[in-house]
PDB file of N, CA and C in Angstrom:
ATOM      1  N   MET A   1       6.854  -2.205  -2.718  1.00  0.00           N
ATOM      2  CA  MET A   1       5.835  -1.344  -3.233  1.00  0.00           C
ATOM      3  C   MET A   1       6.330   0.084  -3.204  1.00  0.00           C
ATOM      4  N   LEU A   2       5.767   0.896  -4.052  1.00  0.00           N
ATOM      5  CA  LEU A   2       6.170   2.296  -4.168  1.00  0.00           C
ATOM      6  C   LEU A   2       5.304   3.160  -3.261  1.00  0.00           C
ATOM      7  N   LEU A   3       5.905   4.195  -2.700  1.00  0.00           N
ATOM      8  CA  LEU A   3       5.179   5.153  -1.862  1.00  0.00           C
ATOM      9  C   LEU A   3       5.240   6.527  -2.520  1.00  0.00           C
ATOM     10  N   PHE A   4       4.149   7.256  -2.440  1.00  0.00           N
ATOM     11  CA  PHE A   4       4.094   8.565  -3.062  1.00  0.00           C
ATOM     12  C   PHE A   4       3.718   9.651  -2.060  1.00  0.00           C
ATOM     13  N   ALA A   5       4.151  10.873  -2.369  1.00  0.00           N
ATOM     14  CA  ALA A   5       3.786  12.124  -1.674  1.00  0.00           C
ATOM     15  C   ALA A   5       3.956  11.998  -0.163  1.00  0.00           C
ATOM     16  N   GLY A   6       2.918  12.352   0.593  1.00  0.00           N
ATOM     17  CA  GLY A   6       2.991  12.392   2.047  1.00  0.00           C
ATOM     18  C   GLY A   6       3.302  11.050   2.690  1.00  0.00           C
ATOM     19  N   LEU A   7       2.894   9.963   2.060  1.00  0.00           N
ATOM     20  CA  LEU A   7       3.212   8.644   2.619  1.00  0.00           C
ATOM     21  C   LEU A   7       4.711   8.386   2.573  1.00  0.00           C
ATOM     22  N   ARG A   8       5.322   8.780   1.492  1.00  0.00           N
ATOM     23  CA  ARG A   8       6.778   8.631   1.359  1.00  0.00           C
ATOM     24  C   ARG A   8       7.468   9.436   2.450  1.00  0.00           C
ATOM     25  N   ASP A   9       6.988  10.653   2.686  1.00  0.00           N
ATOM     26  CA  ASP A   9       7.575  11.502   3.723  1.00  0.00           C
ATOM     27  C   ASP A   9       7.357  10.913   5.116  1.00  0.00           C
ATOM     28  N   ARG A  10       6.164  10.411   5.377  1.00  0.00           N
ATOM     29  CA  ARG A  10       5.833   9.863   6.697  1.00  0.00           C
ATOM     30  C   ARG A  10       6.689   8.638   7.023  1.00  0.00           C
ATOM     31  N   VAL A  11       6.870   7.777   6.043  1.00  0.00           N
ATOM     32  CA  VAL A  11       7.635   6.548   6.251  1.00  0.00           C
ATOM     33  C   VAL A  11       9.135   6.794   6.126  1.00  0.00           C
ATOM     34  N   GLY A  12       9.512   7.790   5.336  1.00  0.00           N
ATOM     35  CA  GLY A  12      10.927   8.086   5.139  1.00  0.00           C
ATOM     36  C   GLY A  12      11.593   7.170   4.134  1.00  0.00           C
ATOM     37  N   ALA A  13      10.794   6.644   3.206  1.00  0.00           N
ATOM     38  CA  ALA A  13      11.330   5.754   2.171  1.00  0.00           C
ATOM     39  C   ALA A  13      10.448   5.849   0.937  1.00  0.00           C
ATOM     40  N   GLU A  14      11.047   5.582  -0.222  1.00  0.00           N
ATOM     41  CA  GLU A  14      10.292   5.570  -1.472  1.00  0.00           C
ATOM     42  C   GLU A  14       9.738   4.191  -1.792  1.00  0.00           C
ATOM     43  N   VAL A  15      10.336   3.164  -1.183  1.00  0.00           N
ATOM     44  CA  VAL A  15       9.966   1.783  -1.480  1.00  0.00           C
ATOM     45  C   VAL A  15       9.884   1.001  -0.176  1.00  0.00           C
ATOM     46  N   LEU A  16       8.882   0.137  -0.054  1.00  0.00           N
ATOM     47  CA  LEU A  16       8.746  -0.773   1.081  1.00  0.00           C
ATOM     48  C   LEU A  16       8.637  -2.194   0.560  1.00  0.00           C
ATOM     49  N   GLU A  17       9.087  -3.133   1.373  1.00  0.00           N
ATOM     50  CA  GLU A  17       8.877  -4.549   1.080  1.00  0.00           C
ATOM     51  C   GLU A  17       8.009  -5.115   2.175  1.00  0.00           C
ATOM     52  N   CYS A  18       7.110  -6.009   1.777  1.00  0.00           N
ATOM     53  CA  CYS A  18       6.215  -6.640   2.740  1.00  0.00           C
ATOM     54  C   CYS A  18       5.880  -8.029   2.214  1.00  0.00           C
ATOM     55  N   GLU A  19       6.178  -9.048   3.007  1.00  0.00           N
ATOM     56  CA  GLU A  19       5.851 -10.413   2.604  1.00  0.00           C
ATOM     57  C   GLU A  19       4.485 -10.777   3.155  1.00  0.00           C
ATOM     58  N   LEU A  20       3.677 -11.392   2.302  1.00  0.00           N
ATOM     59  CA  LEU A  20       2.330 -11.806   2.682  1.00  0.00           C
ATOM     60  C   LEU A  20       2.168 -13.299   2.456  1.00  0.00           C
ATOM     61  N   SER A  21       1.436 -13.940   3.344  1.00  0.00           N
ATOM     62  CA  SER A  21       1.084 -15.338   3.110  1.00  0.00           C
ATOM     63  C   SER A  21      -0.023 -15.382   2.055  1.00  0.00           C
ATOM     64  N   GLU A  22      -0.305 -16.547   1.539  1.00  0.00           N
ATOM     65  CA  GLU A  22      -1.380 -16.696   0.549  1.00  0.00           C
ATOM     66  C   GLU A  22      -2.706 -16.190   1.118  1.00  0.00           C
ATOM     67  N   ALA A  23      -2.952 -16.463   2.392  1.00  0.00           N
ATOM     68  CA  ALA A  23      -4.199 -16.027   3.032  1.00  0.00           C
ATOM     69  C   ALA A  23      -4.285 -14.505   3.145  1.00  0.00           C
ATOM     70  N   GLU A  24      -3.152 -13.844   3.263  1.00  0.00           N
ATOM     71  CA  GLU A  24      -3.121 -12.381   3.409  1.00  0.00           C
ATOM     72  C   GLU A  24      -3.052 -11.647   2.078  1.00  0.00           C
ATOM     73  N   ALA A  25      -2.928 -12.350   0.972  1.00  0.00           N
ATOM     74  CA  ALA A  25      -2.618 -11.731  -0.322  1.00  0.00           C
ATOM     75  C   ALA A  25      -3.819 -11.040  -0.960  1.00  0.00           C
ATOM     76  N   SER A  26      -4.322 -10.048  -0.243  1.00  0.00           N
ATOM     77  CA  SER A  26      -5.388  -9.178  -0.755  1.00  0.00           C
ATOM     78  C   SER A  26      -5.024  -7.754  -0.368  1.00  0.00           C
ATOM     79  N   VAL A  27      -5.732  -6.808  -0.936  1.00  0.00           N
ATOM     80  CA  VAL A  27      -5.471  -5.414  -0.576  1.00  0.00           C
ATOM     81  C   VAL A  27      -5.725  -5.206   0.915  1.00  0.00           C
ATOM     82  N   ALA A  28      -6.809  -5.764   1.445  1.00  0.00           N
ATOM     83  CA  ALA A  28      -7.103  -5.629   2.881  1.00  0.00           C
ATOM     84  C   ALA A  28      -5.999  -6.270   3.719  1.00  0.00           C
ATOM     85  N   GLY A  29      -5.526  -7.442   3.316  1.00  0.00           N
ATOM     86  CA  GLY A  29      -4.443  -8.110   4.033  1.00  0.00           C
ATOM     87  C   GLY A  29      -3.156  -7.314   3.991  1.00  0.00           C
ATOM     88  N   LEU A  30      -2.903  -6.700   2.853  1.00  0.00           N
ATOM     89  CA  LEU A  30      -1.726  -5.842   2.721  1.00  0.00           C
ATOM     90  C   LEU A  30      -1.801  -4.672   3.690  1.00  0.00           C
ATOM     91  N   ARG A  31      -2.959  -4.030   3.748  1.00  0.00           N
ATOM     92  CA  ARG A  31      -3.123  -2.895   4.679  1.00  0.00           C
ATOM     93  C   ARG A  31      -2.832  -3.322   6.116  1.00  0.00           C
ATOM     94  N   LEU A  32      -3.385  -4.442   6.542  1.00  0.00           N
ATOM     95  CA  LEU A  32      -3.149  -4.923   7.916  1.00  0.00           C
ATOM     96  C   LEU A  32      -1.678  -5.238   8.155  1.00  0.00           C
ATOM     97  N   ALA A  33      -1.053  -5.916   7.207  1.00  0.00           N
ATOM     98  CA  ALA A  33       0.362  -6.262   7.347  1.00  0.00           C
ATOM     99  C   ALA A  33       1.226  -5.005   7.401  1.00  0.00           C
ATOM    100  N   LEU A  34       0.909  -4.022   6.564  1.00  0.00           N
ATOM    101  CA  LEU A  34       1.694  -2.784   6.569  1.00  0.00           C
ATOM    102  C   LEU A  34       1.561  -2.036   7.884  1.00  0.00           C
ATOM    103  N   GLU A  35       0.352  -2.021   8.449  1.00  0.00           N
ATOM    104  CA  GLU A  35       0.156  -1.314   9.717  1.00  0.00           C
ATOM    105  C   GLU A  35       0.883  -2.009  10.855  1.00  0.00           C
ATOM    106  N   ARG A  36       1.027  -3.334  10.780  1.00  0.00           N
ATOM    107  CA  ARG A  36       1.833  -4.048  11.787  1.00  0.00           C
ATOM    108  C   ARG A  36       3.309  -3.725  11.607  1.00  0.00           C
ATOM    109  N   GLN A  37       3.757  -3.699  10.366  1.00  0.00           N
ATOM    110  CA  GLN A  37       5.170  -3.470  10.049  1.00  0.00           C
ATOM    111  C   GLN A  37       5.558  -2.011  10.214  1.00  0.00           C
ATOM    112  N   ARG A  38       4.671  -1.114   9.817  1.00  0.00           N
ATOM    113  CA  ARG A  38       4.947   0.333   9.836  1.00  0.00           C
ATOM    114  C   ARG A  38       3.789   1.048  10.520  1.00  0.00           C
ATOM    115  N   PRO A  39       3.790   1.122  11.869  1.00  0.00           N
ATOM    116  CA  PRO A  39       2.676   1.722  12.604  1.00  0.00           C
ATOM    117  C   PRO A  39       2.350   3.153  12.177  1.00  0.00           C
ATOM    118  N   GLU A  40       3.313   3.848  11.596  1.00  0.00           N
ATOM    119  CA  GLU A  40       3.051   5.219  11.152  1.00  0.00           C
ATOM    120  C   GLU A  40       2.037   5.264   9.998  1.00  0.00           C
ATOM    121  N   LEU A  41       1.744   4.134   9.386  1.00  0.00           N
ATOM    122  CA  LEU A  41       0.739   4.078   8.325  1.00  0.00           C
ATOM    123  C   LEU A  41      -0.677   3.872   8.876  1.00  0.00           C
ATOM    124  N   ALA A  42      -0.787   3.461  10.145  1.00  0.00           N
ATOM    125  CA  ALA A  42      -2.111   3.246  10.750  1.00  0.00           C
ATOM    126  C   ALA A  42      -2.905   4.553  10.722  1.00  0.00           C
ATOM    127  N   GLY A  43      -4.123   4.460  10.267  1.00  0.00           N
ATOM    128  CA  GLY A  43      -4.995   5.631  10.215  1.00  0.00           C
ATOM    129  C   GLY A  43      -4.784   6.527   9.011  1.00  0.00           C
ATOM    130  N   GLN A  44      -3.807   6.223   8.189  1.00  0.00           N
ATOM    131  CA  GLN A  44      -3.563   7.033   6.994  1.00  0.00           C
ATOM    132  C   GLN A  44      -4.556   6.644   5.898  1.00  0.00           C
ATOM    133  N   VAL A  45      -4.947   7.622   5.113  1.00  0.00           N
ATOM    134  CA  VAL A  45      -5.854   7.382   3.993  1.00  0.00           C
ATOM    135  C   VAL A  45      -5.006   7.264   2.729  1.00  0.00           C
ATOM    136  N   TYR A  46      -5.170   6.148   2.019  1.00  0.00           N
ATOM    137  CA  TYR A  46      -4.436   5.950   0.770  1.00  0.00           C
ATOM    138  C   TYR A  46      -5.136   4.902  -0.075  1.00  0.00           C
ATOM    139  N   ARG A  47      -4.904   4.968  -1.363  1.00  0.00           N
ATOM    140  CA  ARG A  47      -5.389   3.955  -2.294  1.00  0.00           C
ATOM    141  C   ARG A  47      -4.229   3.027  -2.604  1.00  0.00           C
ATOM    142  N   VAL A  48      -4.554   1.807  -2.952  1.00  0.00           N
ATOM    143  CA  VAL A  48      -3.552   0.839  -3.380  1.00  0.00           C
ATOM    144  C   VAL A  48      -3.730   0.625  -4.876  1.00  0.00           C
ATOM    145  N   ALA A  49      -2.650   0.749  -5.604  1.00  0.00           N
ATOM    146  CA  ALA A  49      -2.662   0.453  -7.033  1.00  0.00           C
ATOM    147  C   ALA A  49      -1.904  -0.849  -7.257  1.00  0.00           C
ATOM    148  N   VAL A  50      -2.471  -1.708  -8.089  1.00  0.00           N
ATOM    149  CA  VAL A  50      -1.872  -2.991  -8.443  1.00  0.00           C
ATOM    150  C   VAL A  50      -1.620  -2.963  -9.941  1.00  0.00           C
ATOM    151  N   ASP A  51      -0.362  -3.026 -10.316  1.00  0.00           N
ATOM    152  CA  ASP A  51       0.013  -2.938 -11.734  1.00  0.00           C
ATOM    153  C   ASP A  51      -0.647  -1.720 -12.401  1.00  0.00           C
ATOM    154  N   ALA A  52      -0.526  -0.572 -11.746  1.00  0.00           N
ATOM    155  CA  ALA A  52      -0.957   0.739 -12.251  1.00  0.00           C
ATOM    156  C   ALA A  52      -2.472   0.919 -12.344  1.00  0.00           C
ATOM    157  N   ALA A  53      -3.261   0.067 -11.670  1.00  0.00           N
ATOM    158  CA  ALA A  53      -4.717   0.234 -11.638  1.00  0.00           C
ATOM    159  C   ALA A  53      -5.170   0.221 -10.178  1.00  0.00           C
ATOM    160  N   TYR A  54      -6.055   1.150  -9.830  1.00  0.00           N
ATOM    161  CA  TYR A  54      -6.553   1.181  -8.452  1.00  0.00           C
ATOM    162  C   TYR A  54      -7.263  -0.126  -8.113  1.00  0.00           C
ATOM    163  N   ALA A  55      -7.068  -0.583  -6.874  1.00  0.00           N
ATOM    164  CA  ALA A  55      -7.672  -1.817  -6.390  1.00  0.00           C
ATOM    165  C   ALA A  55      -8.509  -1.517  -5.151  1.00  0.00           C
ATOM    166  N   VAL A  56      -9.411  -2.419  -4.819  1.00  0.00           N
ATOM    167  CA  VAL A  56     -10.239  -2.296  -3.615  1.00  0.00           C
ATOM    168  C   VAL A  56      -9.845  -3.394  -2.637  1.00  0.00           C
ATOM    169  N   ASP A  57     -10.277  -3.256  -1.393  1.00  0.00           N
ATOM    170  CA  ASP A  57      -9.819  -4.147  -0.328  1.00  0.00           C
ATOM    171  C   ASP A  57     -10.012  -5.628  -0.623  1.00  0.00           C
ATOM    172  N   GLY A  58     -11.054  -6.028  -1.326  1.00  0.00           N
ATOM    173  CA  GLY A  58     -11.309  -7.431  -1.598  1.00  0.00           C
ATOM    174  C   GLY A  58     -10.493  -8.007  -2.733  1.00  0.00           C
ATOM    175  N   ASP A  59      -9.785  -7.171  -3.481  1.00  0.00           N
ATOM    176  CA  ASP A  59      -9.001  -7.656  -4.615  1.00  0.00           C
ATOM    177  C   ASP A  59      -7.801  -8.471  -4.141  1.00  0.00           C
ATOM    178  N   ARG A  60      -7.552  -9.583  -4.831  1.00  0.00           N
ATOM    179  CA  ARG A  60      -6.388 -10.415  -4.558  1.00  0.00           C
ATOM    180  C   ARG A  60      -5.145  -9.790  -5.184  1.00  0.00           C
ATOM    181  N   LEU A  61      -4.000 -10.025  -4.571  1.00  0.00           N
ATOM    182  CA  LEU A  61      -2.729  -9.517  -5.086  1.00  0.00           C
ATOM    183  C   LEU A  61      -1.988 -10.642  -5.787  1.00  0.00           C
ATOM    184  N   PRO A  62      -1.800 -10.530  -7.091  1.00  0.00           N
ATOM    185  CA  PRO A  62      -1.086 -11.586  -7.799  1.00  0.00           C
ATOM    186  C   PRO A  62       0.407 -11.539  -7.480  1.00  0.00           C
ATOM    187  N   PRO A  63       1.056 -12.695  -7.484  1.00  0.00           N
ATOM    188  CA  PRO A  63       2.508 -12.717  -7.234  1.00  0.00           C
ATOM    189  C   PRO A  63       3.236 -11.851  -8.262  1.00  0.00           C
ATOM    190  N   GLY A  64       4.198 -11.093  -7.785  1.00  0.00           N
ATOM    191  CA  GLY A  64       5.025 -10.286  -8.671  1.00  0.00           C
ATOM    192  C   GLY A  64       4.404  -8.986  -9.141  1.00  0.00           C
ATOM    193  N   ALA A  65       3.216  -8.649  -8.656  1.00  0.00           N
ATOM    194  CA  ALA A  65       2.557  -7.415  -9.078  1.00  0.00           C
ATOM    195  C   ALA A  65       3.324  -6.203  -8.548  1.00  0.00           C
ATOM    196  N   GLU A  66       3.300  -5.117  -9.317  1.00  0.00           N
ATOM    197  CA  GLU A  66       3.846  -3.857  -8.826  1.00  0.00           C
ATOM    198  C   GLU A  66       2.756  -3.174  -8.014  1.00  0.00           C
ATOM    199  N   LEU A  67       3.079  -2.844  -6.769  1.00  0.00           N
ATOM    200  CA  LEU A  67       2.127  -2.220  -5.867  1.00  0.00           C
ATOM    201  C   LEU A  67       2.561  -0.791  -5.571  1.00  0.00           C
ATOM    202  N   ALA A  68       1.579   0.081  -5.393  1.00  0.00           N
ATOM    203  CA  ALA A  68       1.862   1.470  -5.028  1.00  0.00           C
ATOM    204  C   ALA A  68       0.832   1.938  -4.023  1.00  0.00           C
ATOM    205  N   LEU A  69       1.279   2.727  -3.064  1.00  0.00           N
ATOM    206  CA  LEU A  69       0.386   3.360  -2.083  1.00  0.00           C
ATOM    207  C   LEU A  69       0.297   4.828  -2.450  1.00  0.00           C
ATOM    208  N   ILE A  70      -0.923   5.291  -2.697  1.00  0.00           N
ATOM    209  CA  ILE A  70      -1.122   6.641  -3.211  1.00  0.00           C
ATOM    210  C   ILE A  70      -2.092   7.390  -2.294  1.00  0.00           C
ATOM    211  N   PRO A  71      -1.625   8.453  -1.637  1.00  0.00           N
ATOM    212  CA  PRO A  71      -2.504   9.236  -0.771  1.00  0.00           C
ATOM    213  C   PRO A  71      -3.407  10.139  -1.614  1.00  0.00           C
ATOM    214  N   PRO A  72      -4.470  10.657  -0.996  1.00  0.00           N
ATOM    215  CA  PRO A  72      -5.296  11.616  -1.736  1.00  0.00           C
ATOM    216  C   PRO A  72      -4.450  12.853  -2.071  1.00  0.00           C
ATOM    217  N   VAL A  73      -4.716  13.455  -3.198  1.00  0.00           N
ATOM    218  CA  VAL A  73      -3.971  14.633  -3.595  1.00  0.00           C
ATOM    219  C   VAL A  73      -4.946  15.758  -3.926  1.00  0.00           C
ATOM    220  N   SER A  74      -4.464  16.967  -3.811  1.00  0.00           N
ATOM    221  CA  SER A  74      -5.259  18.116  -4.236  1.00  0.00           C
ATOM    222  C   SER A  74      -4.301  19.082  -4.913  1.00  0.00           C
ATOM    223  N   GLY A  75      -4.828  19.912  -5.673  1.00  0.00           N
ATOM    224  CA  GLY A  75      -3.981  20.871  -6.390  1.00  0.00           C
ATOM    225  C   GLY A  75      -4.809  22.005  -6.931  1.00  0.00           C
ATOM    226  N   GLY A  76      -4.171  22.877  -7.575  1.00  0.00           N
ATOM    227  CA  GLY A  76      -4.902  24.011  -8.088  1.00  0.00           C
ATOM    228  C   GLY A  76      -4.416  24.396  -9.441  1.00  0.00           C
TER     229      GLY A  76
END
């Protein structure tokens, strides 16, 4: 999955890999798995995009989908 802005800086990588079981293959399951794998993501606020569309925690993750973690942004 792709990481953007502050999340990329916090993790120190632009891309992460995370394997999920069928039971975990939801946005909520992804969040839990990522926090186990990368504790620095615990407590961080971010949206998950699945194939370039924002997803919610109950959404299932289809095999092979492009995933992105996007933190809140502000600008002027």
